[in-house]
Structures are given as structure tokens and as C-alpha cells.
Amino acid sequence: MNRTRIGQWILIVSLLFAMVLVAGCQSSGDQPASSNQVSEATDMNIGSTSNSGEESEDSDSGEAQGLDPLVVAQQEWEISAHASSFVTDSEGNNNACARCHAPNNWMPTLEDIPESCQACKFELPVPPSFIQESEWQHVLCLYCHEADKKGNIQPEVSWLEIPALEEYSEVESHSELCLKCHNTENVPEHGQVVVDSGHIDMQCTECHSPHNTTTTCMNGDCHSEVLSDTDQILGHDDDHKDVSCAACHDNAGWDVGPDPETGIWTTFSPWSHEVMIGEADSILQSGTIPFSSHDIGLEVNCERCHFSGNPWELTESVEIP
């Protein structure tokens, strides 16, 4: 009788131990990757093959050339503004800027959370007024791409709406994603991205690399004729080698002149910002910053720079193309 009971207990314990092992294996595979787990780009698998061995659909010029897309994306990111994005405002605080410049550290207030989340009736901590440099993580892959359960970054784009909850929102296009930060609102000392004229139906990524925002008008062979040796275009010569495309082809009517830091002629985006003084009064601050206009057209008005008495001592007489 004792042997029978001992055998029953051994069987029960064995079954319970097996159930624990099975539950542990299932739970470890069902947990989504957290922001901290895949915060470093080098720990992510971008453009890798699927479990079935089939190649994933995402590809870029680097992959087409046989380069590892992760390496290409990482190299482009390292020289972009996304890799050095942390800033502070004039008062030394940085939470207001962290929404775009340090999104992983950004903590929204309850009013910023979608109604579906508010239904849980929880409170998030008060946003910090300053984030230590040791906590800077800049704009990482996870802010534009979700990771699967194994930490593989997906090629589809989405927006990390609430980092603290790892809550993403869908976007209909690459441009909608870019405008989450690069919007057209008047922000002090920020350029306005207003796309119009011949580029109004184009996506941001048709001109800009998604990982390195620098670009030229010759990207994608859109304007390859500009560099043609056989068909010289007026104004595209050595005298204008330090003049950007936007400086001549801007349709927004912005001021034009040399960038104080680079010396390259460009457009100057206007900005204005209302600053409260006390509880009732306010003053309007305004200015311009060097920023390439995105309202670009074919026609050129040379008199914007070549006018009588211009401060740059440029010639007044030019041939209008």
C-alpha cells in the first residue's frame, strides 16, 4: 500500500514538473521585445531571412549590392541627426523637446494617452524636466519599426506613440511617419517643412534616405541632366558651385543668403513663437534660420540675389533663364 502511494506521489510530482517546463517555454516565446532589450541597433536583425528560410521583402540599394542592410542602416544612422538628437530648451529643461529628440526617455502626461489606455485608470509619473546625458538614447530603430517576439526589426513602419507602454500607432505612409517630428508647425529656431509645387505628391523617402536625412536633388537620378556636360543649364556653373538648389528654385519666397556656418547659399526659414510673460501678457519672438525650402519649382528669379545694391556685391545684370 505504501509503495502504491509513493508511486502515485512520484507520478503527480512528475506531471506538475512537466507542466511547469511547458508553461515556461510558452511564456518565454510570447513576450514582446522591450525597448531596453533591443535598444541597440547592433542587437537587432534587420532584413534577415524568415524562419522558413525565405528572404524578407525589404531591400534597399545596400542590400541590392550585396551589403548587409543592418550595416548600411547603422552606418547611415551614425552620421545623421538621429544619432545626436538630444537638446535642451532655453530654460535648461528638455522634456518638451524629448518627444522628438529623445523619444525613449519621453514620458507623456495622462492627457496625452489615448482614451483606450485611460480606461485602465492608471497614472504615469510626472514628466522629468531634465534627462541625464547617461540616459540619452536618441532616435533608434524602434521608434519607426516594431520588433517581433524574437527581437527582429520589421520592415514596415509605425510610430512609437507611448514609449513607456511600448504602444505603437499605424501610419499610412513614410511621409506621415516623418511628419511626426518634422512637422510644419512654428517651433522656435526650427525650419518648416512645407512641400509644394512639383514635389507635392512625393514621399519624403523618395529624396531622403530614411536613416540619413541628408540628400541632394540628384538622388534617384531625378535631375541627372543638371550635371550633363553636353547640355549646360544657365546658373549651373562654377560661379554657383556654393549655391544650393533651394536658393534659386525656392517658391515660398523665403530670404536667401549664405549659411553663416557653411558658406553655402541657401534659404532661410521663418519662425515665430509666442512667449508668455506672467499670466496674461505675452511677446512674439521671431527670426529665421538656414533651412532648405521644400517648396521647389522650375522657374528661377535671379533678381532675388542679383539686385541693385545687394549686400553681397553680386552683379546686377543677369540673363533670366
C-alpha atoms as a PDB file:
ATOM      1  CA  MET A   1       0.000   0.000   0.000  1.00  0.00           C
ATOM      2  CA  ASN A   2       2.793   2.389   0.866  1.00  0.00           C
ATOM      3  CA  ARG A   3       4.552   1.552  -2.361  1.00  0.00           C
ATOM      4  CA  THR A   4       1.370   2.341  -4.291  1.00  0.00           C
ATOM      5  CA  ARG A   5       1.013   5.735  -2.634  1.00  0.00           C
ATOM      6  CA  ILE A   6       4.676   6.549  -3.173  1.00  0.00           C
ATOM      7  CA  GLY A   7       4.297   5.686  -6.841  1.00  0.00           C
ATOM      8  CA  GLN A   8       1.219   7.918  -7.099  1.00  0.00           C
ATOM      9  CA  TRP A   9       3.083  10.838  -5.488  1.00  0.00           C
ATOM     10  CA  ILE A  10       6.026  10.390  -7.837  1.00  0.00           C
ATOM     11  CA  LEU A  11       3.657  10.410 -10.810  1.00  0.00           C
ATOM     12  CA  ILE A  12       1.874  13.574  -9.600  1.00  0.00           C
ATOM     13  CA  VAL A  13       5.150  15.428  -8.957  1.00  0.00           C
ATOM     14  CA  SER A  14       6.472  14.408 -12.369  1.00  0.00           C
ATOM     15  CA  LEU A  15       3.328  15.684 -14.095  1.00  0.00           C
ATOM     16  CA  LEU A  16       3.487  19.006 -12.228  1.00  0.00           C
ATOM     17  CA  PHE A  17       7.166  19.457 -13.113  1.00  0.00           C
ATOM     18  CA  ALA A  18       6.431  18.762 -16.787  1.00  0.00           C
ATOM     19  CA  MET A  19       3.590  21.326 -16.777  1.00  0.00           C
ATOM     20  CA  VAL A  20       5.911  23.972 -15.307  1.00  0.00           C
ATOM     21  CA  LEU A  21       8.505  23.331 -18.003  1.00  0.00           C
ATOM     22  CA  VAL A  22       5.910  23.597 -20.791  1.00  0.00           C
ATOM     23  CA  ALA A  23       4.471  26.824 -19.357  1.00  0.00           C
ATOM     24  CA  GLY A  24       7.939  28.315 -19.056  1.00  0.00           C
ATOM     25  CA  CYS A  25       8.772  27.573 -22.682  1.00  0.00           C
ATOM     26  CA  GLN A  26       5.492  29.055 -23.919  1.00  0.00           C
ATOM     27  CA  SER A  27       5.755  32.246 -21.862  1.00  0.00           C
ATOM     28  CA  SER A  28       9.311  32.966 -22.947  1.00  0.00           C
ATOM     29  CA  GLY A  29       8.266  32.904 -26.590  1.00  0.00           C
ATOM     30  CA  ASP A  30       5.153  35.026 -26.196  1.00  0.00           C
ATOM     31  CA  GLN A  31       6.716  38.067 -24.547  1.00  0.00           C
ATOM     32  CA  PRO A  32       7.271  41.040 -26.888  1.00  0.00           C
ATOM     33  CA  ALA A  33      10.741  42.528 -27.011  1.00  0.00           C
ATOM     34  CA  SER A  34      11.003  45.584 -24.785  1.00  0.00           C
ATOM     35  CA  SER A  35      12.639  48.853 -25.738  1.00  0.00           C
ATOM     36  CA  ASN A  36      15.589  48.070 -23.486  1.00  0.00           C
ATOM     37  CA  GLN A  37      16.065  44.591 -24.929  1.00  0.00           C
ATOM     38  CA  VAL A  38      16.502  45.887 -28.451  1.00  0.00           C
ATOM     39  CA  SER A  39      17.643  49.432 -27.795  1.00  0.00           C
ATOM     40  CA  GLU A  40      20.968  48.989 -29.547  1.00  0.00           C
ATOM     41  CA  ALA A  41      20.821  48.780 -33.331  1.00  0.00           C
ATOM     42  CA  THR A  42      23.625  46.214 -33.399  1.00  0.00           C
ATOM     43  CA  ASP A  43      21.461  43.785 -31.398  1.00  0.00           C
ATOM     44  CA  MET A  44      18.686  43.853 -33.988  1.00  0.00           C
ATOM     45  CA  ASN A  45      18.113  41.673 -37.035  1.00  0.00           C
ATOM     46  CA  ILE A  46      17.095  43.883 -39.940  1.00  0.00           C
ATOM     47  CA  GLY A  47      16.195  42.339 -43.269  1.00  0.00           C
ATOM     48  CA  SER A  48      17.039  38.827 -42.071  1.00  0.00           C
ATOM     49  CA  THR A  49      15.577  35.673 -43.534  1.00  0.00           C
ATOM     50  CA  SER A  50      12.371  34.331 -42.067  1.00  0.00           C
ATOM     51  CA  ASN A  51      12.077  31.080 -40.116  1.00  0.00           C
ATOM     52  CA  SER A  52      11.114  29.271 -43.295  1.00  0.00           C
ATOM     53  CA  GLY A  53      14.328  30.373 -44.988  1.00  0.00           C
ATOM     54  CA  GLU A  54      12.582  32.747 -47.402  1.00  0.00           C
ATOM     55  CA  GLU A  55      14.126  36.174 -47.863  1.00  0.00           C
ATOM     56  CA  SER A  56      12.177  39.054 -46.339  1.00  0.00           C
ATOM     57  CA  GLU A  57      10.630  41.608 -48.683  1.00  0.00           C
ATOM     58  CA  ASP A  58      12.514  44.686 -47.511  1.00  0.00           C
ATOM     59  CA  SER A  59      15.519  45.720 -49.598  1.00  0.00           C
ATOM     60  CA  ASP A  60      17.500  48.853 -50.333  1.00  0.00           C
ATOM     61  CA  SER A  61      20.402  49.880 -52.500  1.00  0.00           C
ATOM     62  CA  GLY A  62      22.874  48.451 -49.999  1.00  0.00           C
ATOM     63  CA  GLU A  63      21.169  45.086 -49.949  1.00  0.00           C
ATOM     64  CA  ALA A  64      20.961  45.083 -53.741  1.00  0.00           C
ATOM     65  CA  GLN A  65      24.739  45.483 -53.801  1.00  0.00           C
ATOM     66  CA  GLY A  66      25.191  42.510 -51.512  1.00  0.00           C
ATOM     67  CA  LEU A  67      25.777  44.553 -48.356  1.00  0.00           C
ATOM     68  CA  ASP A  68      24.248  43.676 -45.015  1.00  0.00           C
ATOM     69  CA  PRO A  69      21.220  46.016 -44.693  1.00  0.00           C
ATOM     70  CA  LEU A  70      21.806  46.235 -40.939  1.00  0.00           C
ATOM     71  CA  VAL A  71      25.327  47.527 -41.553  1.00  0.00           C
ATOM     72  CA  VAL A  72      24.078  50.022 -44.156  1.00  0.00           C
ATOM     73  CA  ALA A  73      21.340  51.334 -41.861  1.00  0.00           C
ATOM     74  CA  GLN A  74      23.716  51.565 -38.906  1.00  0.00           C
ATOM     75  CA  GLN A  75      26.353  53.471 -40.908  1.00  0.00           C
ATOM     76  CA  GLU A  76      23.781  55.938 -42.230  1.00  0.00           C
ATOM     77  CA  TRP A  77      22.283  56.427 -38.763  1.00  0.00           C
ATOM     78  CA  GLU A  78      25.652  57.147 -37.136  1.00  0.00           C
ATOM     79  CA  ILE A  79      26.258  60.245 -39.308  1.00  0.00           C
ATOM     80  CA  SER A  80      22.687  61.516 -39.137  1.00  0.00           C
ATOM     81  CA  ALA A  81      20.965  63.954 -36.808  1.00  0.00           C
ATOM     82  CA  HIS A  82      19.060  60.998 -35.370  1.00  0.00           C
ATOM     83  CA  ALA A  83      22.275  59.861 -33.653  1.00  0.00           C
ATOM     84  CA  SER A  84      22.860  63.181 -31.862  1.00  0.00           C
ATOM     85  CA  SER A  85      19.341  64.318 -31.191  1.00  0.00           C
ATOM     86  CA  PHE A  86      19.327  65.366 -27.554  1.00  0.00           C
ATOM     87  CA  VAL A  87      18.721  69.053 -26.840  1.00  0.00           C
ATOM     88  CA  THR A  88      17.545  71.344 -24.041  1.00  0.00           C
ATOM     89  CA  ASP A  89      15.359  74.412 -24.182  1.00  0.00           C
ATOM     90  CA  SER A  90      16.353  77.934 -23.139  1.00  0.00           C
ATOM     91  CA  GLU A  91      15.491  77.187 -19.501  1.00  0.00           C
ATOM     92  CA  GLY A  92      17.621  74.057 -19.306  1.00  0.00           C
ATOM     93  CA  ASN A  93      14.665  71.658 -19.453  1.00  0.00           C
ATOM     94  CA  ASN A  94      14.392  69.011 -22.108  1.00  0.00           C
ATOM     95  CA  ASN A  95      11.075  67.201 -21.728  1.00  0.00           C
ATOM     96  CA  ALA A  96       9.352  69.498 -24.221  1.00  0.00           C
ATOM     97  CA  CYS A  97      11.953  68.590 -26.845  1.00  0.00           C
ATOM     98  CA  ALA A  98      12.273  64.934 -25.838  1.00  0.00           C
ATOM     99  CA  ARG A  99       9.117  63.976 -27.765  1.00  0.00           C
ATOM    100  CA  CYS A 100      11.202  64.126 -30.956  1.00  0.00           C
ATOM    101  CA  HIS A 101      14.802  64.417 -29.784  1.00  0.00           C
ATOM    102  CA  ALA A 102      14.923  61.690 -27.110  1.00  0.00           C
ATOM    103  CA  PRO A 103      11.680  59.728 -27.552  1.00  0.00           C
ATOM    104  CA  ASN A 104      12.764  56.728 -25.495  1.00  0.00           C
ATOM    105  CA  ASN A 105      13.114  58.987 -22.443  1.00  0.00           C
ATOM    106  CA  TRP A 106       9.956  60.942 -23.142  1.00  0.00           C
ATOM    107  CA  MET A 107       7.160  60.431 -20.631  1.00  0.00           C
ATOM    108  CA  PRO A 108       3.709  61.738 -21.606  1.00  0.00           C
ATOM    109  CA  THR A 109       1.181  63.041 -19.130  1.00  0.00           C
ATOM    110  CA  LEU A 110      -2.136  61.274 -18.722  1.00  0.00           C
ATOM    111  CA  GLU A 111      -3.786  63.771 -21.085  1.00  0.00           C
ATOM    112  CA  ASP A 112      -1.503  62.597 -23.896  1.00  0.00           C
ATOM    113  CA  ILE A 113      -2.513  58.951 -23.599  1.00  0.00           C
ATOM    114  CA  PRO A 114      -5.190  57.522 -25.950  1.00  0.00           C
ATOM    115  CA  GLU A 115      -8.647  57.006 -24.458  1.00  0.00           C
ATOM    116  CA  SER A 116      -8.305  53.240 -24.818  1.00  0.00           C
ATOM    117  CA  CYS A 117      -5.379  53.347 -22.378  1.00  0.00           C
ATOM    118  CA  GLN A 118      -7.067  55.758 -19.988  1.00  0.00           C
ATOM    119  CA  ALA A 119      -9.809  53.184 -19.486  1.00  0.00           C
ATOM    120  CA  CYS A 120      -7.345  51.259 -17.300  1.00  0.00           C
ATOM    121  CA  LYS A 121      -7.396  54.188 -14.863  1.00  0.00           C
ATOM    122  CA  PHE A 122      -3.679  54.356 -14.171  1.00  0.00           C
ATOM    123  CA  GLU A 123      -1.387  57.319 -13.722  1.00  0.00           C
ATOM    124  CA  LEU A 124       2.015  57.831 -15.320  1.00  0.00           C
ATOM    125  CA  PRO A 125       4.775  59.670 -13.443  1.00  0.00           C
ATOM    126  CA  VAL A 126       5.142  63.412 -13.930  1.00  0.00           C
ATOM    127  CA  PRO A 127       7.473  64.047 -16.902  1.00  0.00           C
ATOM    128  CA  PRO A 128      11.003  64.922 -15.771  1.00  0.00           C
ATOM    129  CA  SER A 129      12.246  68.424 -16.527  1.00  0.00           C
ATOM    130  CA  PHE A 130      15.726  67.152 -17.290  1.00  0.00           C
ATOM    131  CA  ILE A 131      17.113  63.847 -18.556  1.00  0.00           C
ATOM    132  CA  GLN A 132      20.673  62.906 -17.682  1.00  0.00           C
ATOM    133  CA  GLU A 133      23.141  62.559 -20.555  1.00  0.00           C
ATOM    134  CA  SER A 134      23.858  58.979 -19.456  1.00  0.00           C
ATOM    135  CA  GLU A 135      20.253  58.126 -20.362  1.00  0.00           C
ATOM    136  CA  TRP A 136      20.303  59.602 -23.856  1.00  0.00           C
ATOM    137  CA  GLN A 137      19.307  57.043 -26.470  1.00  0.00           C
ATOM    138  CA  HIS A 138      18.450  59.347 -29.364  1.00  0.00           C
ATOM    139  CA  VAL A 139      16.220  58.147 -32.221  1.00  0.00           C
ATOM    140  CA  LEU A 140      16.621  54.392 -32.543  1.00  0.00           C
ATOM    141  CA  CYS A 141      15.166  51.815 -34.925  1.00  0.00           C
ATOM    142  CA  LEU A 142      12.328  51.009 -32.513  1.00  0.00           C
ATOM    143  CA  TYR A 143      10.715  54.423 -32.902  1.00  0.00           C
ATOM    144  CA  CYS A 144       9.835  53.767 -36.540  1.00  0.00           C
ATOM    145  CA  HIS A 145       9.807  49.942 -36.662  1.00  0.00           C
ATOM    146  CA  GLU A 146       8.217  47.373 -34.381  1.00  0.00           C
ATOM    147  CA  ALA A 147      10.178  44.303 -33.302  1.00  0.00           C
ATOM    148  CA  ASP A 148       8.724  40.811 -33.403  1.00  0.00           C
ATOM    149  CA  LYS A 149       8.783  38.431 -30.444  1.00  0.00           C
ATOM    150  CA  LYS A 150      12.347  37.383 -31.247  1.00  0.00           C
ATOM    151  CA  GLY A 151      13.637  40.950 -31.474  1.00  0.00           C
ATOM    152  CA  ASN A 152      13.730  41.099 -35.277  1.00  0.00           C
ATOM    153  CA  ILE A 153      13.012  44.598 -36.557  1.00  0.00           C
ATOM    154  CA  GLN A 154      10.158  44.572 -39.074  1.00  0.00           C
ATOM    155  CA  PRO A 155      10.476  46.443 -42.405  1.00  0.00           C
ATOM    156  CA  GLU A 156       7.025  48.033 -42.090  1.00  0.00           C
ATOM    157  CA  VAL A 157       6.936  51.470 -40.485  1.00  0.00           C
ATOM    158  CA  SER A 158       4.861  52.548 -37.480  1.00  0.00           C
ATOM    159  CA  TRP A 159       5.188  55.223 -34.802  1.00  0.00           C
ATOM    160  CA  LEU A 160       6.120  54.545 -31.169  1.00  0.00           C
ATOM    161  CA  GLU A 161       3.330  56.632 -29.685  1.00  0.00           C
ATOM    162  CA  ILE A 162       3.976  55.941 -25.999  1.00  0.00           C
ATOM    163  CA  PRO A 163       7.439  54.528 -25.207  1.00  0.00           C
ATOM    164  CA  ALA A 164       6.598  53.769 -21.571  1.00  0.00           C
ATOM    165  CA  LEU A 165       3.830  51.408 -22.719  1.00  0.00           C
ATOM    166  CA  GLU A 166       5.535  50.284 -25.948  1.00  0.00           C
ATOM    167  CA  GLU A 167       2.376  51.492 -27.688  1.00  0.00           C
ATOM    168  CA  TYR A 168       2.580  51.933 -31.481  1.00  0.00           C
ATOM    169  CA  SER A 169       0.224  53.707 -33.850  1.00  0.00           C
ATOM    170  CA  GLU A 170      -0.217  52.950 -37.537  1.00  0.00           C
ATOM    171  CA  VAL A 171       0.866  55.384 -40.256  1.00  0.00           C
ATOM    172  CA  GLU A 172      -0.395  55.362 -43.822  1.00  0.00           C
ATOM    173  CA  SER A 173       2.846  56.483 -45.458  1.00  0.00           C
ATOM    174  CA  HIS A 174       6.507  57.194 -44.867  1.00  0.00           C
ATOM    175  CA  SER A 175       5.787  60.920 -45.034  1.00  0.00           C
ATOM    176  CA  GLU A 176       3.184  60.677 -42.269  1.00  0.00           C
ATOM    177  CA  LEU A 177       5.807  58.986 -40.107  1.00  0.00           C
ATOM    178  CA  CYS A 178       8.440  61.658 -40.847  1.00  0.00           C
ATOM    179  CA  LEU A 179       5.990  64.437 -40.020  1.00  0.00           C
ATOM    180  CA  LYS A 180       5.512  63.069 -36.507  1.00  0.00           C
ATOM    181  CA  CYS A 181       8.666  65.081 -35.751  1.00  0.00           C
ATOM    182  CA  HIS A 182       9.435  67.054 -38.895  1.00  0.00           C
ATOM    183  CA  ASN A 183       6.096  68.856 -38.858  1.00  0.00           C
ATOM    184  CA  THR A 184       5.079  72.215 -40.297  1.00  0.00           C
ATOM    185  CA  GLU A 185       4.282  73.918 -37.000  1.00  0.00           C
ATOM    186  CA  ASN A 186       6.175  77.028 -35.939  1.00  0.00           C
ATOM    187  CA  VAL A 187       8.768  75.807 -33.452  1.00  0.00           C
ATOM    188  CA  PRO A 188      11.421  78.255 -32.222  1.00  0.00           C
ATOM    189  CA  GLU A 189      14.584  78.041 -34.303  1.00  0.00           C
ATOM    190  CA  HIS A 190      13.239  75.127 -36.358  1.00  0.00           C
ATOM    191  CA  GLY A 191      12.745  75.055 -40.115  1.00  0.00           C
ATOM    192  CA  GLN A 192       9.317  74.497 -41.632  1.00  0.00           C
ATOM    193  CA  VAL A 193       8.825  71.529 -43.959  1.00  0.00           C
ATOM    194  CA  VAL A 194       6.180  72.686 -46.433  1.00  0.00           C
ATOM    195  CA  VAL A 195       6.259  70.549 -49.577  1.00  0.00           C
ATOM    196  CA  ASP A 196       4.561  72.115 -52.582  1.00  0.00           C
ATOM    197  CA  SER A 197       4.931  72.689 -56.318  1.00  0.00           C
ATOM    198  CA  GLY A 198       6.357  69.784 -58.308  1.00  0.00           C
ATOM    199  CA  HIS A 199       7.138  67.654 -55.251  1.00  0.00           C
ATOM    200  CA  ILE A 200       3.746  67.811 -53.551  1.00  0.00           C
ATOM    201  CA  ASP A 201       2.869  64.171 -54.330  1.00  0.00           C
ATOM    202  CA  MET A 202       6.279  62.756 -53.443  1.00  0.00           C
ATOM    203  CA  GLN A 203       7.153  60.820 -50.305  1.00  0.00           C
ATOM    204  CA  CYS A 204       9.948  62.093 -48.044  1.00  0.00           C
ATOM    205  CA  THR A 205      11.928  58.897 -48.646  1.00  0.00           C
ATOM    206  CA  GLU A 206      11.997  59.486 -52.404  1.00  0.00           C
ATOM    207  CA  CYS A 207      14.555  62.244 -51.770  1.00  0.00           C
ATOM    208  CA  HIS A 208      15.835  61.478 -48.265  1.00  0.00           C
ATOM    209  CA  SER A 209      17.356  58.266 -47.001  1.00  0.00           C
ATOM    210  CA  PRO A 210      15.198  57.151 -44.055  1.00  0.00           C
ATOM    211  CA  HIS A 211      18.318  56.594 -41.951  1.00  0.00           C
ATOM    212  CA  ASN A 212      20.352  59.613 -43.016  1.00  0.00           C
ATOM    213  CA  THR A 213      18.262  62.667 -43.865  1.00  0.00           C
ATOM    214  CA  THR A 214      20.922  64.363 -45.994  1.00  0.00           C
ATOM    215  CA  THR A 215      20.101  64.436 -49.696  1.00  0.00           C
ATOM    216  CA  THR A 216      20.728  66.156 -53.000  1.00  0.00           C
ATOM    217  CA  CYS A 217      18.415  66.849 -55.898  1.00  0.00           C
ATOM    218  CA  MET A 218      20.342  64.293 -57.937  1.00  0.00           C
ATOM    219  CA  ASN A 219      19.268  61.425 -55.677  1.00  0.00           C
ATOM    220  CA  GLY A 220      17.461  58.750 -57.634  1.00  0.00           C
ATOM    221  CA  ASP A 221      18.545  60.298 -60.963  1.00  0.00           C
ATOM    222  CA  CYS A 222      15.619  62.728 -60.772  1.00  0.00           C
ATOM    223  CA  HIS A 223      17.664  65.661 -62.065  1.00  0.00           C
ATOM    224  CA  SER A 224      20.672  63.980 -63.626  1.00  0.00           C
ATOM    225  CA  GLU A 225      20.565  66.432 -66.545  1.00  0.00           C
ATOM    226  CA  VAL A 226      21.792  69.152 -64.186  1.00  0.00           C
ATOM    227  CA  LEU A 227      25.247  67.580 -64.254  1.00  0.00           C
ATOM    228  CA  SER A 228      25.261  66.993 -68.008  1.00  0.00           C
ATOM    229  CA  ASP A 229      28.401  68.172 -69.826  1.00  0.00           C
ATOM    230  CA  THR A 230      26.635  68.412 -73.179  1.00  0.00           C
ATOM    231  CA  ASP A 231      23.579  70.432 -72.158  1.00  0.00           C
ATOM    232  CA  GLN A 232      24.797  73.212 -69.856  1.00  0.00           C
ATOM    233  CA  ILE A 233      21.998  74.912 -67.908  1.00  0.00           C
ATOM    234  CA  LEU A 234      22.329  78.604 -67.099  1.00  0.00           C
ATOM    235  CA  GLY A 235      23.298  79.069 -63.473  1.00  0.00           C
ATOM    236  CA  HIS A 236      24.717  75.569 -63.071  1.00  0.00           C
ATOM    237  CA  ASP A 237      28.355  76.592 -63.361  1.00  0.00           C
ATOM    238  CA  ASP A 238      31.452  77.196 -61.260  1.00  0.00           C
ATOM    239  CA  ASP A 239      30.214  80.641 -60.243  1.00  0.00           C
ATOM    240  CA  HIS A 240      27.304  78.952 -58.447  1.00  0.00           C
ATOM    241  CA  LYS A 241      29.123  75.916 -57.033  1.00  0.00           C
ATOM    242  CA  ASP A 242      28.391  77.136 -53.491  1.00  0.00           C
ATOM    243  CA  VAL A 243      24.709  77.778 -54.212  1.00  0.00           C
ATOM    244  CA  SER A 244      22.163  75.129 -53.217  1.00  0.00           C
ATOM    245  CA  CYS A 245      19.251  74.155 -55.444  1.00  0.00           C
ATOM    246  CA  ALA A 246      16.778  75.653 -52.959  1.00  0.00           C
ATOM    247  CA  ALA A 247      18.472  79.063 -53.012  1.00  0.00           C
ATOM    248  CA  CYS A 248      17.460  79.571 -56.644  1.00  0.00           C
ATOM    249  CA  HIS A 249      14.408  77.341 -57.036  1.00  0.00           C
ATOM    250  CA  ASP A 250      12.507  78.243 -53.845  1.00  0.00           C
ATOM    251  CA  ASN A 251       8.845  79.094 -54.487  1.00  0.00           C
ATOM    252  CA  ALA A 252       8.000  80.032 -50.893  1.00  0.00           C
ATOM    253  CA  GLY A 253       9.564  83.482 -51.107  1.00  0.00           C
ATOM    254  CA  TRP A 254      11.956  82.895 -48.223  1.00  0.00           C
ATOM    255  CA  ASP A 255      15.056  85.017 -47.684  1.00  0.00           C
ATOM    256  CA  VAL A 256      18.174  83.804 -49.466  1.00  0.00           C
ATOM    257  CA  GLY A 257      21.818  84.132 -48.466  1.00  0.00           C
ATOM    258  CA  PRO A 258      24.953  82.272 -47.392  1.00  0.00           C
ATOM    259  CA  ASP A 259      24.752  79.991 -44.367  1.00  0.00           C
ATOM    260  CA  PRO A 260      26.937  81.629 -41.670  1.00  0.00           C
ATOM    261  CA  GLU A 261      28.458  78.265 -40.734  1.00  0.00           C
ATOM    262  CA  THR A 262      28.992  76.568 -44.111  1.00  0.00           C
ATOM    263  CA  GLY A 263      29.078  79.488 -46.539  1.00  0.00           C
ATOM    264  CA  ILE A 264      26.687  77.600 -48.839  1.00  0.00           C
ATOM    265  CA  TRP A 265      23.888  79.756 -50.214  1.00  0.00           C
ATOM    266  CA  THR A 266      20.531  78.517 -49.052  1.00  0.00           C
ATOM    267  CA  THR A 267      17.077  79.646 -47.969  1.00  0.00           C
ATOM    268  CA  PHE A 268      16.172  80.913 -44.502  1.00  0.00           C
ATOM    269  CA  SER A 269      13.036  79.517 -42.904  1.00  0.00           C
ATOM    270  CA  PRO A 270      10.981  81.993 -40.832  1.00  0.00           C
ATOM    271  CA  TRP A 271       9.812  81.012 -37.365  1.00  0.00           C
ATOM    272  CA  SER A 272       7.768  82.715 -34.674  1.00  0.00           C
ATOM    273  CA  HIS A 273       6.864  81.780 -31.132  1.00  0.00           C
ATOM    274  CA  GLU A 274       4.616  83.393 -28.525  1.00  0.00           C
ATOM    275  CA  VAL A 275       6.254  83.603 -25.106  1.00  0.00           C
ATOM    276  CA  MET A 276       4.083  84.180 -22.044  1.00  0.00           C
ATOM    277  CA  ILE A 277       5.105  86.897 -19.576  1.00  0.00           C
ATOM    278  CA  GLY A 278       3.301  86.369 -16.330  1.00  0.00           C
ATOM    279  CA  GLU A 279      -0.233  85.005 -16.506  1.00  0.00           C
ATOM    280  CA  ALA A 280      -1.767  87.396 -19.039  1.00  0.00           C
ATOM    281  CA  ASP A 281       0.875  89.122 -21.159  1.00  0.00           C
ATOM    282  CA  SER A 282       2.952  87.669 -23.963  1.00  0.00           C
ATOM    283  CA  ILE A 283       5.504  88.710 -26.560  1.00  0.00           C
ATOM    284  CA  LEU A 284       6.096  87.322 -30.034  1.00  0.00           C
ATOM    285  CA  GLN A 285       9.602  86.138 -30.780  1.00  0.00           C
ATOM    286  CA  SER A 286      10.554  85.586 -34.411  1.00  0.00           C
ATOM    287  CA  GLY A 287      13.524  85.068 -36.664  1.00  0.00           C
ATOM    288  CA  THR A 288      14.935  82.941 -39.471  1.00  0.00           C
ATOM    289  CA  ILE A 289      17.341  80.002 -39.641  1.00  0.00           C
ATOM    290  CA  PRO A 290      19.241  78.442 -42.557  1.00  0.00           C
ATOM    291  CA  PHE A 291      16.972  75.679 -43.846  1.00  0.00           C
ATOM    292  CA  SER A 292      16.421  74.277 -47.339  1.00  0.00           C
ATOM    293  CA  SER A 293      12.999  75.129 -48.697  1.00  0.00           C
ATOM    294  CA  HIS A 294      10.887  72.123 -49.704  1.00  0.00           C
ATOM    295  CA  ASP A 295       8.662  74.279 -51.932  1.00  0.00           C
ATOM    296  CA  ILE A 296      10.808  73.901 -55.036  1.00  0.00           C
ATOM    297  CA  GLY A 297       9.855  74.827 -58.605  1.00  0.00           C
ATOM    298  CA  LEU A 298      11.458  75.019 -62.028  1.00  0.00           C
ATOM    299  CA  GLU A 299      11.247  78.793 -62.528  1.00  0.00           C
ATOM    300  CA  VAL A 300      14.024  80.992 -61.140  1.00  0.00           C
ATOM    301  CA  ASN A 301      14.057  84.696 -60.251  1.00  0.00           C
ATOM    302  CA  CYS A 302      17.714  85.746 -60.384  1.00  0.00           C
ATOM    303  CA  GLU A 303      16.820  89.213 -59.082  1.00  0.00           C
ATOM    304  CA  ARG A 304      16.317  87.773 -55.607  1.00  0.00           C
ATOM    305  CA  CYS A 305      20.107  87.927 -55.253  1.00  0.00           C
ATOM    306  CA  HIS A 306      21.260  89.995 -58.234  1.00  0.00           C
ATOM    307  CA  PHE A 307      19.509  93.258 -57.376  1.00  0.00           C
ATOM    308  CA  SER A 308      20.870  96.774 -57.224  1.00  0.00           C
ATOM    309  CA  GLY A 309      22.807  97.439 -54.036  1.00  0.00           C
ATOM    310  CA  ASN A 310      22.732  93.819 -52.874  1.00  0.00           C
ATOM    311  CA  PRO A 311      24.844  93.253 -49.740  1.00  0.00           C
ATOM    312  CA  TRP A 312      26.926  90.508 -51.337  1.00  0.00           C
ATOM    313  CA  GLU A 313      28.306  92.698 -54.157  1.00  0.00           C
ATOM    314  CA  LEU A 314      26.887  90.396 -56.819  1.00  0.00           C
ATOM    315  CA  THR A 315      26.473  91.533 -60.401  1.00  0.00           C
ATOM    316  CA  GLU A 316      23.173  93.193 -61.235  1.00  0.00           C
ATOM    317  CA  SER A 317      22.936  92.241 -64.888  1.00  0.00           C
ATOM    318  CA  VAL A 318      21.988  88.587 -65.479  1.00  0.00           C
ATOM    319  CA  GLU A 319      20.131  86.679 -68.143  1.00  0.00           C
ATOM    320  CA  ILE A 320      16.823  85.298 -66.875  1.00  0.00           C
ATOM    321  CA  PRO A 321      16.501  81.621 -67.945  1.00  0.00           C
END
